[in-house]
C-alpha atoms as a PDB file:
ATOM      1  CA  MET A   1       9.151 -11.028   4.641  1.00  0.00           C
ATOM      2  CA  THR A   2      11.127  -9.072   7.306  1.00  0.00           C
ATOM      3  CA  VAL A   3      10.868  -5.405   7.732  1.00  0.00           C
ATOM      4  CA  GLY A   4      13.238  -3.772   5.124  1.00  0.00           C
ATOM      5  CA  THR A   5      13.861  -6.528   2.423  1.00  0.00           C
ATOM      6  CA  ASP A   6      10.451  -5.930   0.458  1.00  0.00           C
ATOM      7  CA  PRO A   7      11.422  -5.409  -3.087  1.00  0.00           C
ATOM      8  CA  HIS A   8       8.939  -2.806  -3.598  1.00  0.00           C
ATOM      9  CA  LEU A   9      11.417  -0.617  -1.379  1.00  0.00           C
ATOM     10  CA  ALA A  10      12.965   0.173  -4.715  1.00  0.00           C
ATOM     11  CA  LEU A  11       9.965   2.275  -5.541  1.00  0.00           C
ATOM     12  CA  VAL A  12      10.433   4.661  -2.559  1.00  0.00           C
ATOM     13  CA  ARG A  13      11.484   8.274  -3.536  1.00  0.00           C
ATOM     14  CA  PRO A  14      11.851  11.586  -1.490  1.00  0.00           C
ATOM     15  CA  VAL A  15       8.498  13.008  -1.598  1.00  0.00           C
ATOM     16  CA  THR A  16       6.595  15.754  -0.342  1.00  0.00           C
ATOM     17  CA  PRO A  17       2.775  15.486   0.654  1.00  0.00           C
ATOM     18  CA  ARG A  18       0.799  16.815  -2.410  1.00  0.00           C
ATOM     19  CA  THR A  19      -2.072  17.956   0.078  1.00  0.00           C
ATOM     20  CA  ALA A  20      -2.963  18.484   3.590  1.00  0.00           C
ATOM     21  CA  GLY A  21      -5.849  15.814   3.601  1.00  0.00           C
ATOM     22  CA  CYS A  22      -6.851  12.961   1.523  1.00  0.00           C
ATOM     23  CA  GLU A  23      -6.665  14.223  -2.142  1.00  0.00           C
ATOM     24  CA  GLU A  24      -9.951  12.512  -3.069  1.00  0.00           C
ATOM     25  CA  CYS A  25     -11.896  12.885  -0.157  1.00  0.00           C
ATOM     26  CA  LEU A  26     -11.226  16.597  -0.240  1.00  0.00           C
ATOM     27  CA  ALA A  27     -12.571  16.977  -3.735  1.00  0.00           C
ATOM     28  CA  THR A  28     -15.507  15.008  -2.643  1.00  0.00           C
ATOM     29  CA  HIS A  29     -15.938  16.467   0.803  1.00  0.00           C
ATOM     30  CA  SER A  30     -16.000  13.093   2.304  1.00  0.00           C
ATOM     31  CA  PRO A  31     -14.630  12.301   5.790  1.00  0.00           C
ATOM     32  CA  TRP A  32     -11.648  10.332   6.151  1.00  0.00           C
ATOM     33  CA  VAL A  33      -9.992   8.691   9.606  1.00  0.00           C
ATOM     34  CA  HIS A  34      -6.197   8.607   9.182  1.00  0.00           C
ATOM     35  CA  LEU A  35      -3.870   9.707   6.272  1.00  0.00           C
ATOM     36  CA  ARG A  36      -1.249   7.861   4.546  1.00  0.00           C
ATOM     37  CA  LEU A  37       1.634   8.936   2.309  1.00  0.00           C
ATOM     38  CA  CYS A  38       2.576   7.285  -0.879  1.00  0.00           C
ATOM     39  CA  LEU A  39       6.096   7.151  -0.736  1.00  0.00           C
ATOM     40  CA  THR A  40       6.751   6.949  -4.650  1.00  0.00           C
ATOM     41  CA  CYS A  41       4.436  10.391  -5.816  1.00  0.00           C
ATOM     42  CA  GLY A  42       3.508  12.202  -2.624  1.00  0.00           C
ATOM     43  CA  HIS A  43      -0.285  11.146  -3.020  1.00  0.00           C
ATOM     44  CA  VAL A  44      -2.027  11.682   0.268  1.00  0.00           C
ATOM     45  CA  GLY A  45      -4.794   9.128   0.846  1.00  0.00           C
ATOM     46  CA  CYS A  46      -7.323   7.759   3.549  1.00  0.00           C
ATOM     47  CA  CYS A  47      -6.469   4.666   5.575  1.00  0.00           C
ATOM     48  CA  ASP A  48      -8.451   1.386   5.355  1.00  0.00           C
ATOM     49  CA  SER A  49     -10.475   2.510   8.179  1.00  0.00           C
ATOM     50  CA  SER A  50     -11.944   5.367   6.106  1.00  0.00           C
ATOM     51  CA  PRO A  51     -14.972   4.830   4.248  1.00  0.00           C
ATOM     52  CA  ASN A  52     -13.330   5.315   0.811  1.00  0.00           C
ATOM     53  CA  ARG A  53      -9.802   3.692   1.591  1.00  0.00           C
ATOM     54  CA  HIS A  54      -8.199   5.949  -1.136  1.00  0.00           C
ATOM     55  CA  ALA A  55      -4.323   5.100  -0.161  1.00  0.00           C
ATOM     56  CA  ARG A  56      -5.009   1.322  -0.994  1.00  0.00           C
ATOM     57  CA  ARG A  57      -6.980   2.266  -4.304  1.00  0.00           C
ATOM     58  CA  HIS A  58      -4.286   4.650  -5.410  1.00  0.00           C
ATOM     59  CA  ALA A  59      -1.553   1.875  -4.648  1.00  0.00           C
ATOM     60  CA  ALA A  60      -3.578  -0.531  -6.751  1.00  0.00           C
ATOM     61  CA  ALA A  61      -4.267   1.731  -9.572  1.00  0.00           C
ATOM     62  CA  ASP A  62      -0.885   3.521  -9.848  1.00  0.00           C
ATOM     63  CA  GLY A  63       1.387   0.582  -8.886  1.00  0.00           C
ATOM     64  CA  HIS A  64       2.686   2.589  -6.051  1.00  0.00           C
ATOM     65  CA  PRO A  65       2.538   0.118  -3.095  1.00  0.00           C
ATOM     66  CA  ILE A  66       4.533   1.773  -0.260  1.00  0.00           C
ATOM     67  CA  VAL A  67       2.796   4.324   2.087  1.00  0.00           C
ATOM     68  CA  ALA A  68       4.020   5.962   5.372  1.00  0.00           C
ATOM     69  CA  SER A  69       1.525   6.932   7.987  1.00  0.00           C
ATOM     70  CA  LEU A  70       1.168  10.827   8.113  1.00  0.00           C
ATOM     71  CA  GLU A  71      -0.383  10.613  11.526  1.00  0.00           C
ATOM     72  CA  PRO A  72       1.583  12.667  14.237  1.00  0.00           C
ATOM     73  CA  GLY A  73       3.731  10.385  16.295  1.00  0.00           C
ATOM     74  CA  GLU A  74       3.689   7.674  14.032  1.00  0.00           C
ATOM     75  CA  ASN A  75       6.724   6.412  11.936  1.00  0.00           C
ATOM     76  CA  TRP A  76       6.184   3.379   9.935  1.00  0.00           C
ATOM     77  CA  ARG A  77       5.873   2.249   6.358  1.00  0.00           C
ATOM     78  CA  TRP A  78       3.401  -0.378   4.832  1.00  0.00           C
ATOM     79  CA  CYS A  79       3.293  -2.287   1.586  1.00  0.00           C
ATOM     80  CA  PHE A  80      -0.038  -2.972   0.447  1.00  0.00           C
ATOM     81  CA  VAL A  81       1.235  -5.829  -2.011  1.00  0.00           C
ATOM     82  CA  HIS A  82       2.652  -7.957   0.812  1.00  0.00           C
ATOM     83  CA  GLU A  83       0.296  -6.524   3.532  1.00  0.00           C
ATOM     84  CA  ALA A  84       3.551  -5.953   5.775  1.00  0.00           C
ATOM     85  CA  LEU A  85       5.231  -3.385   7.701  1.00  0.00           C
ATOM     86  CA  VAL A  86       8.436  -2.611   5.433  1.00  0.00           C
END
């Protein structure tokens, strides 16, 4: 699959991050490594290098597969279903 052709891109909406950190980690006082923004609803979750992998869990549970990096200087989107940049 090439960048920009993923059918899940139809789920992308204009969103604003709902929290300043991983929503679930903030609630449980857990650490995270990097943050990912759900481009369907604005959920902020932690990356796969984090202990709890909340961004991936949110994508699976809510059917919101496209995330963007919330890290400074990074500008990319990822599809959890296709395991690819989009």
